[in-house]
Amino acid sequence: MTIVSTPQFSFMSANFLGREKNYVDVTGFGERSKSIADAFSPVETYGERIDGLFSEISAMGYRGVDLWIAHCDPTWATPRHIEGLQAASAKHQVEIVSLAGGTGKDLVSFERTCQTARDIGCSLLGMGCPFLPDHIEDVQNILSRYGVVLGFENHPREPTPEVVLEKIGQGRYPNIRVTFDTGWWGTHDYPLDEAFEKLQEFIVLVHLKNVDAPVTHVAAPLDEGCLNLEPFVHLLRASDYSGWISLEYEPLAHNPTDDCRRFLTLAKNWWEKPSS
């Protein structure tokens, strides 16, 4: 019998985007500059707040986190914030796998994001980047300077793998790779297996996410949306994918803790179950 090793599954901290408002009147990712900034930016209480966040992630069974940039935003993060973040990571034995979110409005903001990643000790950005492809040389130089890799994430403006490849310079730049987001391929109604085949050699991170229906981008439980994600997990295994798989589910109206605990077990079972 062949024993298949289980990959590492991480928790997307943006899953908790409604946490600070107790999932009432949550506006979406705009909470980064609202309720989450209000809660996490004060340095006097940051250590306690980020420790609580990591405690919840660890209690669900996760040993890695894709840290939504709202939880350590380069626009307000100080060395004291970063010390608190690193302490929480070490205490709860939850590795900071990547920074997720946005790169900022200009290259100065992008450089600040890379510097924050370096200071945290995280070498991977799993996010979109509006400066590609027009400023790809500048992006590569900044990434290289800070020892960081950008896993460029397919988002609304990347409906096909060909667009992704164009934006990353066909993979010619060593610090510019791909974060493969299943949810956005579902929104664009693009087959996961075809997208994976075309991008496989550049993928450094997978965001495993489901959505209610094509065209929409409403978060759905991993096993209840329009995408059949189990065969895709089998495809990752068959392709010897060895990177992290981030489990992503960002409901606006309820706490996803129980869901995300179940998703971790579900995803591991999918990986270990032989494909039919």
Protein backbone atom coordinates (compact mmCIF):
# COMPACT_ATOMS: atom_id res chain seq x y z
CA MET A 1 0.00 0.00 0.00
CA THR A 2 1.29 3.46 -0.89
CA ILE A 3 1.29 5.89 2.01
CA VAL A 4 0.49 9.42 0.87
CA SER A 5 1.82 12.20 3.08
CA THR A 6 -0.72 14.82 4.11
CA PRO A 7 0.13 18.35 2.96
CA GLN A 8 0.06 21.31 5.28
CA PHE A 9 -3.26 23.10 5.52
CA SER A 10 -3.34 26.67 6.76
CA PHE A 11 -6.05 28.98 8.04
CA MET A 12 -6.84 32.20 6.19
CA SER A 13 -7.20 34.85 8.92
CA ALA A 14 -9.53 36.87 6.66
CA ASN A 15 -12.05 34.14 7.53
CA PHE A 16 -12.48 36.21 10.70
CA LEU A 17 -13.24 39.47 8.89
CA GLY A 18 -16.49 39.86 10.85
CA ARG A 19 -15.06 38.80 14.21
CA GLU A 20 -14.57 42.27 15.68
CA LYS A 21 -18.19 43.23 14.94
CA ASN A 22 -19.58 39.93 16.20
CA TYR A 23 -20.75 39.28 12.61
CA VAL A 24 -23.31 42.09 12.67
CA ASP A 25 -23.44 44.67 9.85
CA VAL A 26 -20.16 43.42 8.37
CA THR A 27 -19.27 45.30 5.18
CA GLY A 28 -16.74 42.79 3.83
CA PHE A 29 -13.03 43.30 3.24
CA GLY A 30 -13.50 47.00 3.93
CA GLU A 31 -13.41 46.08 7.61
CA ARG A 32 -9.61 46.15 7.21
CA SER A 33 -9.62 49.92 7.64
CA LYS A 34 -12.60 49.99 10.00
CA SER A 35 -13.39 47.53 12.79
CA ILE A 36 -10.16 45.54 12.46
CA ALA A 37 -7.93 48.60 12.41
CA ASP A 38 -9.81 49.97 15.42
CA ALA A 39 -9.25 46.71 17.30
CA PHE A 40 -5.70 45.80 16.28
CA SER A 41 -3.83 49.04 15.59
CA PRO A 42 -3.48 50.24 19.23
CA VAL A 43 -0.07 48.91 20.22
CA GLU A 44 -0.96 48.80 23.93
CA THR A 45 -3.51 46.02 23.39
CA TYR A 46 -2.16 44.39 20.23
CA GLY A 47 -0.27 41.61 21.97
CA GLU A 48 -3.37 40.44 23.80
CA ARG A 49 -5.59 40.68 20.71
CA ILE A 50 -3.26 38.87 18.33
CA ASP A 51 -2.61 36.21 20.97
CA GLY A 52 -6.35 35.62 21.18
CA LEU A 53 -6.59 35.28 17.41
CA PHE A 54 -3.75 32.75 17.25
CA SER A 55 -5.20 30.86 20.21
CA GLU A 56 -8.46 30.35 18.30
CA ILE A 57 -6.62 29.26 15.15
CA SER A 58 -4.52 26.76 17.07
CA ALA A 59 -7.57 25.38 18.90
CA MET A 60 -9.11 24.48 15.54
CA GLY A 61 -6.09 22.30 14.78
CA TYR A 62 -4.27 24.53 12.31
CA ARG A 63 -0.48 24.86 12.41
CA GLY A 64 -0.21 27.54 9.76
CA VAL A 65 -1.92 30.86 9.07
CA ASP A 66 -2.17 33.04 6.00
CA LEU A 67 -2.19 36.35 7.82
CA TRP A 68 -4.65 38.82 6.35
CA ILE A 69 -2.71 42.05 6.20
CA ALA A 70 -5.47 43.76 8.21
CA HIS A 71 -4.17 41.92 11.29
CA CYS A 72 -0.72 43.52 10.99
CA ASP A 73 -1.23 46.36 8.56
CA PRO A 74 1.95 48.01 7.22
CA THR A 75 0.20 51.38 7.49
CA TRP A 76 0.24 51.16 11.30
CA ALA A 77 2.43 48.20 12.30
CA THR A 78 5.41 49.11 14.49
CA PRO A 79 8.24 46.93 15.80
CA ARG A 80 6.18 46.40 18.96
CA HIS A 81 3.25 45.08 16.90
CA ILE A 82 5.57 42.70 15.07
CA GLU A 83 7.09 41.48 18.33
CA GLY A 84 3.60 40.70 19.62
CA LEU A 85 2.73 38.87 16.42
CA GLN A 86 5.89 36.77 16.52
CA ALA A 87 5.30 35.97 20.20
CA ALA A 88 1.77 34.74 19.46
CA SER A 89 3.01 32.63 16.55
CA ALA A 90 5.68 31.01 18.71
CA LYS A 91 3.45 30.52 21.74
CA HIS A 92 0.69 28.76 19.82
CA GLN A 93 3.02 27.05 17.32
CA VAL A 94 1.17 28.48 14.33
CA GLU A 95 3.52 29.36 11.47
CA ILE A 96 2.89 32.54 9.49
CA VAL A 97 2.78 30.99 6.02
CA SER A 98 2.04 34.08 3.96
CA LEU A 99 0.66 37.59 4.05
CA ALA A 100 -2.70 37.90 2.28
CA GLY A 101 -4.69 40.91 1.17
CA GLY A 102 -3.52 43.87 -0.89
CA THR A 103 -0.20 45.41 -1.82
CA GLY A 104 -1.25 49.04 -1.46
CA LYS A 105 -1.98 51.81 -3.91
CA ASP A 106 1.57 52.50 -5.15
CA LEU A 107 5.04 51.02 -5.25
CA VAL A 108 5.99 52.79 -2.02
CA SER A 109 3.14 50.97 -0.28
CA PHE A 110 4.18 47.74 -1.96
CA GLU A 111 7.72 48.13 -0.66
CA ARG A 112 6.37 48.75 2.84
CA THR A 113 4.38 45.52 2.58
CA CYS A 114 7.51 43.60 1.57
CA GLN A 115 9.45 45.16 4.43
CA THR A 116 6.73 44.16 6.89
CA ALA A 117 6.79 40.60 5.56
CA ARG A 118 10.56 40.45 5.99
CA ASP A 119 10.39 41.88 9.51
CA ILE A 120 7.74 39.32 10.48
CA GLY A 121 9.88 36.52 9.05
CA CYS A 122 7.42 35.62 6.30
CA SER A 123 8.85 35.21 2.81
CA LEU A 124 5.62 34.85 0.82
CA LEU A 125 2.94 37.30 -0.27
CA GLY A 126 -0.23 35.56 -1.46
CA MET A 127 -2.17 38.40 -3.07
CA GLY A 128 -2.96 40.33 -6.20
CA CYS A 129 -0.74 43.12 -7.46
CA PRO A 130 -2.03 46.06 -9.53
CA PHE A 131 1.49 46.95 -10.68
CA LEU A 132 1.77 43.95 -12.97
CA PRO A 133 2.71 43.75 -15.74
CA ASP A 134 3.48 47.45 -16.31
CA HIS A 135 5.96 47.76 -13.44
CA ILE A 136 7.14 44.16 -13.29
CA GLU A 137 10.83 45.07 -13.21
CA ASP A 138 10.27 47.36 -10.22
CA VAL A 139 8.20 44.70 -8.47
CA GLN A 140 10.90 42.06 -9.01
CA ASN A 141 13.62 44.37 -7.72
CA ILE A 142 11.68 45.24 -4.55
CA LEU A 143 10.84 41.61 -3.85
CA SER A 144 14.45 40.58 -4.35
CA ARG A 145 15.69 43.36 -2.07
CA TYR A 146 13.60 42.07 0.82
CA GLY A 147 13.94 38.36 0.11
CA VAL A 148 10.21 37.95 -0.52
CA VAL A 149 8.28 36.02 -3.19
CA LEU A 150 4.99 37.31 -4.58
CA GLY A 151 2.50 34.56 -5.27
CA PHE A 152 0.32 36.60 -7.63
CA GLU A 153 -3.31 35.69 -6.91
CA ASN A 154 -5.93 35.46 -9.63
CA HIS A 155 -8.73 37.92 -8.86
CA PRO A 156 -11.58 39.68 -10.75
CA ARG A 157 -9.35 40.99 -13.54
CA GLU A 158 -7.76 37.62 -14.33
CA PRO A 159 -10.49 35.52 -15.96
CA THR A 160 -8.09 33.10 -17.67
CA PRO A 161 -4.68 31.55 -16.93
CA GLU A 162 -3.30 33.34 -19.98
CA VAL A 163 -3.97 36.69 -18.31
CA VAL A 164 -2.19 35.50 -15.17
CA LEU A 165 0.81 34.35 -17.21
CA GLU A 166 0.94 37.69 -19.00
CA LYS A 167 0.95 39.56 -15.70
CA ILE A 168 3.76 37.46 -14.20
CA GLY A 169 5.90 37.82 -17.30
CA GLN A 170 5.40 34.18 -18.33
CA GLY A 171 7.30 33.15 -15.20
CA ARG A 172 10.59 34.78 -16.18
CA TYR A 173 10.97 36.62 -12.86
CA PRO A 174 12.15 34.38 -10.00
CA ASN A 175 10.37 36.27 -7.20
CA ILE A 176 7.03 36.45 -9.03
CA ARG A 177 5.04 33.22 -8.91
CA VAL A 178 1.35 32.27 -8.55
CA THR A 179 -1.18 31.86 -5.76
CA PHE A 180 -3.97 29.69 -7.18
CA ASP A 181 -7.39 30.79 -5.85
CA THR A 182 -10.09 28.22 -6.64
CA GLY A 183 -12.91 30.58 -5.68
CA TRP A 184 -12.10 33.15 -8.33
CA TRP A 185 -11.80 30.46 -11.01
CA GLY A 186 -15.29 29.42 -9.91
CA THR A 187 -16.54 32.98 -10.23
CA HIS A 188 -15.13 33.14 -13.75
CA ASP A 189 -16.56 29.66 -14.49
CA TYR A 190 -13.14 28.47 -15.62
CA PRO A 191 -12.38 24.74 -15.14
CA LEU A 192 -10.02 24.20 -12.22
CA ASP A 193 -8.11 21.36 -13.82
CA GLU A 194 -7.40 23.37 -16.97
CA ALA A 195 -6.28 26.43 -15.01
CA PHE A 196 -4.05 24.29 -12.82
CA GLU A 197 -2.45 22.54 -15.79
CA LYS A 198 -1.51 25.87 -17.37
CA LEU A 199 -0.14 27.44 -14.17
CA GLN A 200 1.17 24.44 -12.26
CA GLU A 201 4.89 25.07 -12.60
CA PHE A 202 4.56 28.53 -11.05
CA ILE A 203 2.16 27.79 -8.15
CA VAL A 204 3.61 28.40 -4.68
CA LEU A 205 0.36 28.59 -2.68
CA VAL A 206 -3.24 27.41 -3.07
CA HIS A 207 -6.28 29.22 -1.67
CA LEU A 208 -8.96 26.52 -1.43
CA LYS A 209 -12.28 28.35 -1.55
CA ASN A 210 -15.80 27.74 -2.82
CA VAL A 211 -18.46 30.18 -4.04
CA ASP A 212 -22.21 29.95 -4.34
CA ALA A 213 -22.41 30.21 -8.12
CA PRO A 214 -20.46 31.32 -11.19
CA VAL A 215 -20.35 35.09 -11.78
CA THR A 216 -20.96 35.71 -8.07
CA HIS A 217 -18.25 35.72 -5.44
CA VAL A 218 -20.30 34.87 -2.37
CA ALA A 219 -18.37 32.61 0.00
CA ALA A 220 -19.72 29.08 0.35
CA PRO A 221 -18.65 26.13 2.54
CA LEU A 222 -15.94 24.09 0.86
CA ASP A 223 -18.30 21.18 0.21
CA GLU A 224 -21.49 23.11 -0.61
CA GLY A 225 -20.69 25.65 -3.34
CA CYS A 226 -20.67 25.42 -7.13
CA LEU A 227 -17.18 23.87 -7.23
CA ASN A 228 -16.47 20.21 -6.62
CA LEU A 229 -13.22 20.67 -4.73
CA GLU A 230 -12.53 17.05 -3.82
CA PRO A 231 -11.28 16.09 -7.32
CA PHE A 232 -9.12 19.20 -7.33
CA VAL A 233 -7.47 18.13 -4.07
CA HIS A 234 -6.88 14.72 -5.68
CA LEU A 235 -5.28 16.56 -8.62
CA LEU A 236 -2.94 18.42 -6.26
CA ARG A 237 -1.89 15.13 -4.69
CA ALA A 238 -1.39 13.42 -8.05
CA SER A 239 0.73 16.36 -9.18
CA ASP A 240 3.00 16.07 -6.11
CA TYR A 241 2.04 19.53 -4.93
CA SER A 242 4.00 20.16 -1.73
CA GLY A 243 3.11 23.73 -0.82
CA TRP A 244 0.60 25.00 1.71
CA ILE A 245 -3.14 24.85 1.05
CA SER A 246 -5.01 27.73 2.67
CA LEU A 247 -8.61 26.98 3.64
CA GLU A 248 -10.69 30.07 2.97
CA TYR A 249 -14.29 30.81 3.96
CA GLU A 250 -15.35 34.36 4.81
CA PRO A 251 -19.05 34.48 5.77
CA LEU A 252 -20.32 37.90 6.74
CA ALA A 253 -23.14 36.91 9.10
CA HIS A 254 -21.81 34.11 11.31
CA ASN A 255 -18.69 32.91 13.07
CA PRO A 256 -16.96 30.34 10.83
CA THR A 257 -14.97 28.63 13.61
CA ASP A 258 -16.96 25.39 13.62
CA ASP A 259 -17.00 25.34 9.80
CA CYS A 260 -13.25 25.84 9.55
CA ARG A 261 -12.56 23.14 12.12
CA ARG A 262 -14.68 20.77 10.00
CA PHE A 263 -13.01 21.92 6.77
CA LEU A 264 -9.59 20.94 8.11
CA THR A 265 -10.76 17.38 8.70
CA LEU A 266 -12.61 17.35 5.39
CA ALA A 267 -9.62 18.55 3.37
CA LYS A 268 -7.30 16.01 5.00
CA ASN A 269 -9.78 13.24 4.21
CA TRP A 270 -10.02 14.38 0.60
CA TRP A 271 -6.25 14.28 0.31
CA GLU A 272 -5.94 10.82 1.82
CA LYS A 273 -8.91 9.29 -0.04
CA PRO A 274 -7.93 7.56 -3.30
CA SER A 275 -9.39 9.22 -6.38
CA SER A 276 -12.04 7.21 -8.19
